């Protein structure tokens, strides 16, 4: 890299990029460009290319600022790691860029590098080192790093498995609207990992995940409500209020679940719910078959 000091993270640029991802507004980036913030123009050029689905052009744009902007270095590293649609794949350069960006203060890069060490991608496998890097990113407050640290604890990767710690870090990330963290926290409550099985709590966390973008959570919210509406299925009693809630979410899943299998499962559950509703109207208990 041409800059001996290496790329530097700038909180205002990091925040503007994050908000662009959530709102699509480029106003903050334009203000930073007008102020001469290094990397801001490169980011806007890259994001504009992404809108046009020109991934190699986006990678080239970010690469122009990778020597001064840790944020741009991180995104360029992702390009080299994944080889997006014709962009060259080069794991050695990805490792170097993640390292430089992380040392330049971009916490997300620390955990991205940690994941490479955990799985031996571009570097010798070293789960303990991967865990340590990811913990640095998580403790610096990055929600993606916090989510990944929860995964390290949940898998027992590079550290002794600790579901309590996994829950803690998922909650930290979910409080910053990290959708995968909320989903994982819900799954832990559903399966009783790190605490008792709690379908009510699971439903709450699945709703959080749905609200911040995990559309596949709708099916699981519906299932959570259904298990509570008919706790002794296929016999009663049936809670019609909870059953209505289950129907609402299941119908959402029939159109919004990103996977065909999820939409098909939702259609099956919708039919089951109709049956429970009909039986409940005849008798407050669902008869056994």
C-alpha atoms as a PDB file:
ATOM      1  CA  UNK A   1       0.000   0.000   0.000  1.00  0.00           C
ATOM      2  CA  UNK A   2       1.218   3.443  -0.885  1.00  0.00           C
ATOM      3  CA  UNK A   3       0.380   5.011   2.458  1.00  0.00           C
ATOM      4  CA  UNK A   4       2.960   3.839   4.993  1.00  0.00           C
ATOM      5  CA  UNK A   5       0.539   4.543   7.819  1.00  0.00           C
ATOM      6  CA  UNK A   6      -2.051   2.235   6.288  1.00  0.00           C
ATOM      7  CA  UNK A   7      -5.772   2.768   5.884  1.00  0.00           C
ATOM      8  CA  UNK A   8      -7.628   4.493   8.710  1.00  0.00           C
ATOM      9  CA  UNK A   9     -11.219   3.942   9.855  1.00  0.00           C
ATOM     10  CA  UNK A  10     -13.396   7.035  10.057  1.00  0.00           C
ATOM     11  CA  UNK A  11     -16.513   6.707  12.206  1.00  0.00           C
ATOM     12  CA  UNK A  12     -18.466   9.231  10.141  1.00  0.00           C
ATOM     13  CA  UNK A  13     -17.801   7.275   6.945  1.00  0.00           C
ATOM     14  CA  UNK A  14     -18.565   3.948   8.649  1.00  0.00           C
ATOM     15  CA  UNK A  15     -21.875   5.320   9.909  1.00  0.00           C
ATOM     16  CA  UNK A  16     -22.795   6.814   6.525  1.00  0.00           C
ATOM     17  CA  UNK A  17     -22.115   3.521   4.746  1.00  0.00           C
ATOM     18  CA  UNK A  18     -24.134   1.575   7.323  1.00  0.00           C
ATOM     19  CA  UNK A  19     -27.086   3.927   7.032  1.00  0.00           C
ATOM     20  CA  UNK A  20     -26.922   3.811   3.246  1.00  0.00           C
ATOM     21  CA  UNK A  21     -27.324   0.046   3.502  1.00  0.00           C
ATOM     22  CA  UNK A  22     -30.474   0.495   5.588  1.00  0.00           C
ATOM     23  CA  UNK A  23     -32.109   3.476   3.908  1.00  0.00           C
ATOM     24  CA  UNK A  24     -30.573   3.770   0.440  1.00  0.00           C
ATOM     25  CA  UNK A  25     -29.984   7.477   1.072  1.00  0.00           C
ATOM     26  CA  UNK A  26     -26.657   8.850  -0.159  1.00  0.00           C
ATOM     27  CA  UNK A  27     -27.061  12.280   1.444  1.00  0.00           C
ATOM     28  CA  UNK A  28     -24.551  11.616   4.225  1.00  0.00           C
ATOM     29  CA  UNK A  29     -21.979  10.311   1.764  1.00  0.00           C
ATOM     30  CA  UNK A  30     -22.417  13.416  -0.389  1.00  0.00           C
ATOM     31  CA  UNK A  31     -21.797  15.632   2.657  1.00  0.00           C
ATOM     32  CA  UNK A  32     -18.616  13.684   3.433  1.00  0.00           C
ATOM     33  CA  UNK A  33     -17.510  13.959  -0.198  1.00  0.00           C
ATOM     34  CA  UNK A  34     -17.990  17.731  -0.054  1.00  0.00           C
ATOM     35  CA  UNK A  35     -15.909  17.772   3.136  1.00  0.00           C
ATOM     36  CA  UNK A  36     -13.104  15.871   1.439  1.00  0.00           C
ATOM     37  CA  UNK A  37     -13.305  12.747   3.634  1.00  0.00           C
ATOM     38  CA  UNK A  38     -10.949  10.129   2.138  1.00  0.00           C
ATOM     39  CA  UNK A  39     -12.810   7.166   0.701  1.00  0.00           C
ATOM     40  CA  UNK A  40     -16.243   8.787   0.603  1.00  0.00           C
ATOM     41  CA  UNK A  41     -16.308   9.298  -3.175  1.00  0.00           C
ATOM     42  CA  UNK A  42     -14.969   5.784  -3.769  1.00  0.00           C
ATOM     43  CA  UNK A  43     -17.718   4.378  -1.585  1.00  0.00           C
ATOM     44  CA  UNK A  44     -20.456   6.229  -3.388  1.00  0.00           C
ATOM     45  CA  UNK A  45     -19.059   5.142  -6.749  1.00  0.00           C
ATOM     46  CA  UNK A  46     -18.941   1.537  -5.546  1.00  0.00           C
ATOM     47  CA  UNK A  47     -22.459   1.584  -4.146  1.00  0.00           C
ATOM     48  CA  UNK A  48     -23.754   3.139  -7.363  1.00  0.00           C
ATOM     49  CA  UNK A  49     -22.124   0.287  -9.282  1.00  0.00           C
ATOM     50  CA  UNK A  50     -23.759  -2.234  -6.943  1.00  0.00           C
ATOM     51  CA  UNK A  51     -27.160  -0.723  -7.752  1.00  0.00           C
ATOM     52  CA  UNK A  52     -26.390  -1.384 -11.410  1.00  0.00           C
ATOM     53  CA  UNK A  53     -25.265  -4.921 -10.459  1.00  0.00           C
ATOM     54  CA  UNK A  54     -21.780  -4.207 -11.770  1.00  0.00           C
ATOM     55  CA  UNK A  55     -19.823  -5.922  -9.005  1.00  0.00           C
ATOM     56  CA  UNK A  56     -16.377  -5.760 -10.644  1.00  0.00           C
ATOM     57  CA  UNK A  57     -16.806  -1.980 -11.077  1.00  0.00           C
ATOM     58  CA  UNK A  58     -17.776  -1.640  -7.412  1.00  0.00           C
ATOM     59  CA  UNK A  59     -14.688  -3.566  -6.375  1.00  0.00           C
ATOM     60  CA  UNK A  60     -12.476  -1.367  -8.549  1.00  0.00           C
ATOM     61  CA  UNK A  61     -14.018   1.778  -7.049  1.00  0.00           C
ATOM     62  CA  UNK A  62     -13.415   0.660  -3.481  1.00  0.00           C
ATOM     63  CA  UNK A  63      -9.913  -0.451  -4.400  1.00  0.00           C
ATOM     64  CA  UNK A  64      -8.974   3.097  -5.367  1.00  0.00           C
ATOM     65  CA  UNK A  65      -9.285   4.161  -1.719  1.00  0.00           C
ATOM     66  CA  UNK A  66      -8.119   0.973   0.004  1.00  0.00           C
ATOM     67  CA  UNK A  67      -4.765   2.508   0.906  1.00  0.00           C
ATOM     68  CA  UNK A  68      -6.309   5.381   2.885  1.00  0.00           C
ATOM     69  CA  UNK A  69      -9.761   4.197   4.023  1.00  0.00           C
ATOM     70  CA  UNK A  70     -10.110   1.166   6.267  1.00  0.00           C
ATOM     71  CA  UNK A  71     -13.763   0.897   5.242  1.00  0.00           C
ATOM     72  CA  UNK A  72     -12.778   0.764   1.565  1.00  0.00           C
ATOM     73  CA  UNK A  73     -10.005  -1.711   2.358  1.00  0.00           C
ATOM     74  CA  UNK A  74     -12.547  -3.984   4.054  1.00  0.00           C
ATOM     75  CA  UNK A  75     -14.960  -3.922   1.132  1.00  0.00           C
ATOM     76  CA  UNK A  76     -12.106  -4.512  -1.303  1.00  0.00           C
ATOM     77  CA  UNK A  77     -11.012  -7.474   0.819  1.00  0.00           C
ATOM     78  CA  UNK A  78     -14.524  -8.909   0.531  1.00  0.00           C
ATOM     79  CA  UNK A  79     -14.203  -8.613  -3.241  1.00  0.00           C
ATOM     80  CA  UNK A  80     -10.925 -10.531  -3.264  1.00  0.00           C
ATOM     81  CA  UNK A  81     -12.286 -13.117  -0.836  1.00  0.00           C
ATOM     82  CA  UNK A  82     -15.460 -13.846  -2.778  1.00  0.00           C
ATOM     83  CA  UNK A  83     -14.590 -13.058  -6.388  1.00  0.00           C
ATOM     84  CA  UNK A  84     -17.938 -11.391  -7.020  1.00  0.00           C
ATOM     85  CA  UNK A  85     -19.242 -12.081 -10.530  1.00  0.00           C
ATOM     86  CA  UNK A  86     -15.974 -11.915 -12.381  1.00  0.00           C
ATOM     87  CA  UNK A  87     -13.979  -9.837  -9.910  1.00  0.00           C
ATOM     88  CA  UNK A  88     -10.639 -11.605  -9.330  1.00  0.00           C
ATOM     89  CA  UNK A  89     -10.404 -13.873  -6.279  1.00  0.00           C
ATOM     90  CA  UNK A  90      -7.160 -13.505  -4.342  1.00  0.00           C
ATOM     91  CA  UNK A  91      -7.139 -14.761  -0.760  1.00  0.00           C
ATOM     92  CA  UNK A  92      -3.646 -13.453  -0.012  1.00  0.00           C
ATOM     93  CA  UNK A  93      -4.746  -9.913  -0.859  1.00  0.00           C
ATOM     94  CA  UNK A  94      -7.966 -10.384   1.091  1.00  0.00           C
ATOM     95  CA  UNK A  95      -5.991 -11.384   4.183  1.00  0.00           C
ATOM     96  CA  UNK A  96      -3.623  -8.419   3.786  1.00  0.00           C
ATOM     97  CA  UNK A  97      -6.487  -5.945   3.367  1.00  0.00           C
ATOM     98  CA  UNK A  98      -8.527  -7.296   6.286  1.00  0.00           C
ATOM     99  CA  UNK A  99      -5.399  -7.119   8.431  1.00  0.00           C
ATOM    100  CA  UNK A 100      -4.644  -3.537   7.432  1.00  0.00           C
ATOM    101  CA  UNK A 101      -8.251  -2.425   7.867  1.00  0.00           C
ATOM    102  CA  UNK A 102      -8.526  -4.078  11.269  1.00  0.00           C
ATOM    103  CA  UNK A 103      -5.328  -2.523  12.509  1.00  0.00           C
ATOM    104  CA  UNK A 104      -6.581   0.781  11.104  1.00  0.00           C
ATOM    105  CA  UNK A 105      -9.552   0.668  13.458  1.00  0.00           C
ATOM    106  CA  UNK A 106     -12.301  -0.989  11.405  1.00  0.00           C
ATOM    107  CA  UNK A 107     -13.581  -3.545  13.897  1.00  0.00           C
ATOM    108  CA  UNK A 108     -15.581  -5.520  11.344  1.00  0.00           C
ATOM    109  CA  UNK A 109     -12.348  -6.473   9.580  1.00  0.00           C
ATOM    110  CA  UNK A 110     -10.911  -8.048  12.706  1.00  0.00           C
ATOM    111  CA  UNK A 111     -13.672 -10.632  12.824  1.00  0.00           C
ATOM    112  CA  UNK A 112     -13.674 -11.130   9.054  1.00  0.00           C
ATOM    113  CA  UNK A 113     -10.009 -12.025   9.402  1.00  0.00           C
ATOM    114  CA  UNK A 114     -10.836 -14.150  12.443  1.00  0.00           C
ATOM    115  CA  UNK A 115     -13.289 -16.181  10.408  1.00  0.00           C
ATOM    116  CA  UNK A 116     -10.590 -16.880   7.828  1.00  0.00           C
ATOM    117  CA  UNK A 117      -8.357 -18.246  10.582  1.00  0.00           C
ATOM    118  CA  UNK A 118     -11.223 -20.271  12.041  1.00  0.00           C
ATOM    119  CA  UNK A 119     -11.844 -22.065   8.763  1.00  0.00           C
ATOM    120  CA  UNK A 120      -8.335 -22.000   7.304  1.00  0.00           C
ATOM    121  CA  UNK A 121      -9.225 -19.870   4.288  1.00  0.00           C
ATOM    122  CA  UNK A 122      -6.137 -18.182   2.853  1.00  0.00           C
ATOM    123  CA  UNK A 123      -4.263 -18.741   6.118  1.00  0.00           C
ATOM    124  CA  UNK A 124      -3.362 -21.804   8.197  1.00  0.00           C
ATOM    125  CA  UNK A 125      -6.332 -22.875  10.299  1.00  0.00           C
ATOM    126  CA  UNK A 126      -6.025 -21.427  13.806  1.00  0.00           C
ATOM    127  CA  UNK A 127      -9.439 -21.301  15.539  1.00  0.00           C
ATOM    128  CA  UNK A 128      -7.999 -19.856  18.754  1.00  0.00           C
ATOM    129  CA  UNK A 129      -6.480 -16.944  16.865  1.00  0.00           C
ATOM    130  CA  UNK A 130      -9.705 -16.536  14.936  1.00  0.00           C
ATOM    131  CA  UNK A 131     -11.663 -16.355  18.181  1.00  0.00           C
ATOM    132  CA  UNK A 132      -9.269 -13.787  19.652  1.00  0.00           C
ATOM    133  CA  UNK A 133      -9.523 -11.551  16.579  1.00  0.00           C
ATOM    134  CA  UNK A 134     -13.286 -11.792  16.525  1.00  0.00           C
ATOM    135  CA  UNK A 135     -13.498 -10.959  20.216  1.00  0.00           C
ATOM    136  CA  UNK A 136     -11.505  -7.787  19.588  1.00  0.00           C
ATOM    137  CA  UNK A 137     -14.006  -6.755  16.943  1.00  0.00           C
ATOM    138  CA  UNK A 138     -16.965  -7.622  19.147  1.00  0.00           C
ATOM    139  CA  UNK A 139     -15.617  -5.760  22.156  1.00  0.00           C
ATOM    140  CA  UNK A 140     -15.111  -2.722  19.922  1.00  0.00           C
ATOM    141  CA  UNK A 141     -18.868  -2.763  19.338  1.00  0.00           C
ATOM    142  CA  UNK A 142     -19.260  -4.071  15.795  1.00  0.00           C
ATOM    143  CA  UNK A 143     -22.598  -5.939  15.570  1.00  0.00           C
ATOM    144  CA  UNK A 144     -21.416  -8.345  12.868  1.00  0.00           C
ATOM    145  CA  UNK A 145     -18.381  -9.250  14.944  1.00  0.00           C
ATOM    146  CA  UNK A 146     -20.615  -9.705  17.998  1.00  0.00           C
ATOM    147  CA  UNK A 147     -22.816 -12.074  16.010  1.00  0.00           C
ATOM    148  CA  UNK A 148     -19.836 -14.067  14.810  1.00  0.00           C
ATOM    149  CA  UNK A 149     -18.416 -14.193  18.330  1.00  0.00           C
ATOM    150  CA  UNK A 150     -21.714 -15.697  19.448  1.00  0.00           C
ATOM    151  CA  UNK A 151     -21.214 -18.307  16.727  1.00  0.00           C
ATOM    152  CA  UNK A 152     -17.704 -19.068  18.012  1.00  0.00           C
ATOM    153  CA  UNK A 153     -19.096 -19.672  21.498  1.00  0.00           C
ATOM    154  CA  UNK A 154     -22.044 -21.663  20.196  1.00  0.00           C
ATOM    155  CA  UNK A 155     -19.857 -23.971  18.120  1.00  0.00           C
ATOM    156  CA  UNK A 156     -17.032 -24.148  20.643  1.00  0.00           C
ATOM    157  CA  UNK A 157     -14.697 -22.911  17.900  1.00  0.00           C
ATOM    158  CA  UNK A 158     -11.339 -21.781  19.306  1.00  0.00           C
ATOM    159  CA  UNK A 159     -12.907 -21.563  22.770  1.00  0.00           C
ATOM    160  CA  UNK A 160     -14.841 -23.816  25.109  1.00  0.00           C
ATOM    161  CA  UNK A 161     -18.498 -23.972  24.090  1.00  0.00           C
ATOM    162  CA  UNK A 162     -20.512 -21.588  26.214  1.00  0.00           C
ATOM    163  CA  UNK A 163     -24.161 -21.066  25.323  1.00  0.00           C
ATOM    164  CA  UNK A 164     -24.511 -18.369  27.953  1.00  0.00           C
ATOM    165  CA  UNK A 165     -21.803 -16.311  26.265  1.00  0.00           C
ATOM    166  CA  UNK A 166     -23.354 -17.030  22.876  1.00  0.00           C
ATOM    167  CA  UNK A 167     -26.678 -15.665  24.112  1.00  0.00           C
ATOM    168  CA  UNK A 168     -24.982 -12.601  25.555  1.00  0.00           C
ATOM    169  CA  UNK A 169     -23.198 -11.669  22.333  1.00  0.00           C
ATOM    170  CA  UNK A 170     -26.233 -12.350  20.158  1.00  0.00           C
ATOM    171  CA  UNK A 171     -28.202 -10.011  22.411  1.00  0.00           C
ATOM    172  CA  UNK A 172     -25.533  -7.313  22.121  1.00  0.00           C
ATOM    173  CA  UNK A 173     -25.646  -7.544  18.334  1.00  0.00           C
ATOM    174  CA  UNK A 174     -29.432  -7.763  18.156  1.00  0.00           C
ATOM    175  CA  UNK A 175     -29.682  -4.559  20.179  1.00  0.00           C
ATOM    176  CA  UNK A 176     -27.977  -2.947  17.176  1.00  0.00           C
ATOM    177  CA  UNK A 177     -30.501  -4.551  14.818  1.00  0.00           C
ATOM    178  CA  UNK A 178     -28.221  -7.306  13.561  1.00  0.00           C
ATOM    179  CA  UNK A 179     -30.862  -9.573  12.070  1.00  0.00           C
ATOM    180  CA  UNK A 180     -28.892 -12.833  12.149  1.00  0.00           C
ATOM    181  CA  UNK A 181     -28.075 -12.325  15.821  1.00  0.00           C
ATOM    182  CA  UNK A 182     -31.755 -11.924  16.686  1.00  0.00           C
ATOM    183  CA  UNK A 183     -32.552 -15.038  14.663  1.00  0.00           C
ATOM    184  CA  UNK A 184     -29.825 -17.061  16.384  1.00  0.00           C
ATOM    185  CA  UNK A 185     -30.947 -15.857  19.811  1.00  0.00           C
ATOM    186  CA  UNK A 186     -34.480 -16.995  18.968  1.00  0.00           C
ATOM    187  CA  UNK A 187     -33.199 -20.392  17.886  1.00  0.00           C
ATOM    188  CA  UNK A 188     -31.392 -20.822  21.200  1.00  0.00           C
ATOM    189  CA  UNK A 189     -34.606 -20.141  23.133  1.00  0.00           C
ATOM    190  CA  UNK A 190     -36.548 -22.486  20.854  1.00  0.00           C
ATOM    191  CA  UNK A 191     -34.084 -25.347  21.389  1.00  0.00           C
ATOM    192  CA  UNK A 192     -33.288 -24.649  25.032  1.00  0.00           C
ATOM    193  CA  UNK A 193     -29.606 -23.873  24.496  1.00  0.00           C
ATOM    194  CA  UNK A 194     -28.170 -21.936  27.430  1.00  0.00           C
ATOM    195  CA  UNK A 195     -31.534 -21.922  29.188  1.00  0.00           C
ATOM    196  CA  UNK A 196     -34.904 -23.667  29.237  1.00  0.00           C
ATOM    197  CA  UNK A 197     -36.982 -24.194  26.124  1.00  0.00           C
ATOM    198  CA  UNK A 198     -39.094 -21.042  25.871  1.00  0.00           C
ATOM    199  CA  UNK A 199     -41.305 -20.724  22.801  1.00  0.00           C
ATOM    200  CA  UNK A 200     -42.690 -17.363  23.970  1.00  0.00           C
ATOM    201  CA  UNK A 201     -39.203 -15.876  24.207  1.00  0.00           C
ATOM    202  CA  UNK A 202     -38.289 -17.504  20.898  1.00  0.00           C
ATOM    203  CA  UNK A 203     -41.274 -15.861  19.254  1.00  0.00           C
ATOM    204  CA  UNK A 204     -40.243 -12.449  20.568  1.00  0.00           C
ATOM    205  CA  UNK A 205     -36.725 -12.813  19.175  1.00  0.00           C
ATOM    206  CA  UNK A 206     -38.014 -14.161  15.855  1.00  0.00           C
ATOM    207  CA  UNK A 207     -40.246 -11.072  15.615  1.00  0.00           C
ATOM    208  CA  UNK A 208     -37.192  -8.905  16.226  1.00  0.00           C
ATOM    209  CA  UNK A 209     -35.330 -10.752  13.474  1.00  0.00           C
ATOM    210  CA  UNK A 210     -38.254 -10.315  11.090  1.00  0.00           C
ATOM    211  CA  UNK A 211     -38.518  -6.604  11.840  1.00  0.00           C
ATOM    212  CA  UNK A 212     -34.907  -6.032  10.767  1.00  0.00           C
ATOM    213  CA  UNK A 213     -34.966  -8.104   7.613  1.00  0.00           C
ATOM    214  CA  UNK A 214     -35.079 -11.862   8.271  1.00  0.00           C
ATOM    215  CA  UNK A 215     -38.239 -12.626   6.298  1.00  0.00           C
ATOM    216  CA  UNK A 216     -37.771 -16.349   6.923  1.00  0.00           C
ATOM    217  CA  UNK A 217     -38.536 -15.652  10.586  1.00  0.00           C
ATOM    218  CA  UNK A 218     -42.258 -15.208   9.812  1.00  0.00           C
ATOM    219  CA  UNK A 219     -42.741 -18.968   9.504  1.00  0.00           C
ATOM    220  CA  UNK A 220     -41.097 -19.540  12.867  1.00  0.00           C
ATOM    221  CA  UNK A 221     -43.116 -16.799  14.557  1.00  0.00           C
ATOM    222  CA  UNK A 222     -46.222 -18.565  13.271  1.00  0.00           C
ATOM    223  CA  UNK A 223     -44.986 -21.921  14.535  1.00  0.00           C
ATOM    224  CA  UNK A 224     -44.228 -20.410  17.930  1.00  0.00           C
ATOM    225  CA  UNK A 225     -47.779 -19.083  18.197  1.00  0.00           C
ATOM    226  CA  UNK A 226     -49.241 -22.358  16.910  1.00  0.00           C
ATOM    227  CA  UNK A 227     -47.416 -24.512  19.475  1.00  0.00           C
ATOM    228  CA  UNK A 228     -48.868 -22.297  22.207  1.00  0.00           C
ATOM    229  CA  UNK A 229     -52.338 -22.157  20.646  1.00  0.00           C
ATOM    230  CA  UNK A 230     -52.643 -25.950  20.480  1.00  0.00           C
ATOM    231  CA  UNK A 231     -50.166 -27.200  23.081  1.00  0.00           C
ATOM    232  CA  UNK A 232     -51.533 -30.759  23.028  1.00  0.00           C
ATOM    233  CA  UNK A 233     -51.965 -31.040  19.249  1.00  0.00           C
ATOM    234  CA  UNK A 234     -53.715 -32.753  17.636  1.00  0.00           C
ATOM    235  CA  UNK A 235     -56.138 -32.509  20.571  1.00  0.00           C
ATOM    236  CA  UNK A 236     -57.296 -29.386  22.399  1.00  0.00           C
ATOM    237  CA  UNK A 237     -57.745 -27.111  24.085  1.00  0.00           C
ATOM    238  CA  UNK A 238     -57.344 -24.458  21.388  1.00  0.00           C
ATOM    239  CA  UNK A 239     -56.577 -20.826  22.118  1.00  0.00           C
ATOM    240  CA  UNK A 240     -58.327 -19.021  19.272  1.00  0.00           C
ATOM    241  CA  UNK A 241     -56.556 -15.724  19.934  1.00  0.00           C
ATOM    242  CA  UNK A 242     -53.132 -17.333  19.593  1.00  0.00           C
ATOM    243  CA  UNK A 243     -54.384 -19.369  16.660  1.00  0.00           C
ATOM    244  CA  UNK A 244     -55.343 -16.151  14.867  1.00  0.00           C
ATOM    245  CA  UNK A 245     -51.867 -14.797  15.556  1.00  0.00           C
ATOM    246  CA  UNK A 246     -50.355 -17.973  14.152  1.00  0.00           C
ATOM    247  CA  UNK A 247     -52.501 -17.665  11.027  1.00  0.00           C
ATOM    248  CA  UNK A 248     -51.419 -14.066  10.484  1.00  0.00           C
ATOM    249  CA  UNK A 249     -47.729 -14.928  10.507  1.00  0.00           C
ATOM    250  CA  UNK A 250     -48.100 -18.141   8.548  1.00  0.00           C
ATOM    251  CA  UNK A 251     -49.948 -16.289   5.784  1.00  0.00           C
ATOM    252  CA  UNK A 252     -47.130 -13.731   5.707  1.00  0.00           C
ATOM    253  CA  UNK A 253     -44.674 -16.594   5.312  1.00  0.00           C
ATOM    254  CA  UNK A 254     -46.583 -18.054   2.352  1.00  0.00           C
ATOM    255  CA  UNK A 255     -45.621 -14.977   0.309  1.00  0.00           C
ATOM    256  CA  UNK A 256     -42.515 -13.558   1.984  1.00  0.00           C
ATOM    257  CA  UNK A 257     -40.367 -16.556   2.899  1.00  0.00           C
ATOM    258  CA  UNK A 258     -37.305 -16.381   0.615  1.00  0.00           C
ATOM    259  CA  UNK A 259     -37.179 -20.152   0.073  1.00  0.00           C
ATOM    260  CA  UNK A 260     -39.745 -22.265  -1.841  1.00  0.00           C
ATOM    261  CA  UNK A 261     -39.553 -24.894   0.902  1.00  0.00           C
ATOM    262  CA  UNK A 262     -40.467 -22.297   3.515  1.00  0.00           C
ATOM    263  CA  UNK A 263     -43.446 -21.063   1.520  1.00  0.00           C
ATOM    264  CA  UNK A 264     -44.613 -24.643   0.994  1.00  0.00           C
ATOM    265  CA  UNK A 265     -44.302 -25.427   4.715  1.00  0.00           C
ATOM    266  CA  UNK A 266     -46.302 -22.291   5.509  1.00  0.00           C
ATOM    267  CA  UNK A 267     -49.077 -23.414   3.147  1.00  0.00           C
ATOM    268  CA  UNK A 268     -49.281 -26.766   4.938  1.00  0.00           C
ATOM    269  CA  UNK A 269     -49.475 -25.061   8.332  1.00  0.00           C
ATOM    270  CA  UNK A 270     -52.169 -22.678   7.067  1.00  0.00           C
ATOM    271  CA  UNK A 271     -54.309 -25.678   6.148  1.00  0.00           C
ATOM    272  CA  UNK A 272     -53.739 -27.211   9.588  1.00  0.00           C
ATOM    273  CA  UNK A 273     -54.743 -23.975  11.261  1.00  0.00           C
ATOM    274  CA  UNK A 274     -57.992 -23.920   9.264  1.00  0.00           C
ATOM    275  CA  UNK A 275     -58.739 -27.384  10.582  1.00  0.00           C
ATOM    276  CA  UNK A 276     -58.081 -26.360  14.172  1.00  0.00           C
ATOM    277  CA  UNK A 277     -60.318 -23.319  13.766  1.00  0.00           C
ATOM    278  CA  UNK A 278     -63.194 -25.415  12.442  1.00  0.00           C
ATOM    279  CA  UNK A 279     -62.893 -27.976  15.222  1.00  0.00           C
ATOM    280  CA  UNK A 280     -62.593 -25.289  17.885  1.00  0.00           C
ATOM    281  CA  UNK A 281     -65.843 -23.720  16.754  1.00  0.00           C
ATOM    282  CA  UNK A 282     -67.639 -27.089  17.099  1.00  0.00           C
ATOM    283  CA  UNK A 283     -66.197 -27.889  20.470  1.00  0.00           C
ATOM    284  CA  UNK A 284     -63.634 -26.050  22.586  1.00  0.00           C
ATOM    285  CA  UNK A 285     -61.460 -29.175  22.308  1.00  0.00           C
ATOM    286  CA  UNK A 286     -59.926 -30.644  19.183  1.00  0.00           C
ATOM    287  CA  UNK A 287     -60.877 -34.348  19.070  1.00  0.00           C
ATOM    288  CA  UNK A 288     -58.109 -36.878  18.701  1.00  0.00           C
ATOM    289  CA  UNK A 289     -57.897 -38.907  15.554  1.00  0.00           C
END
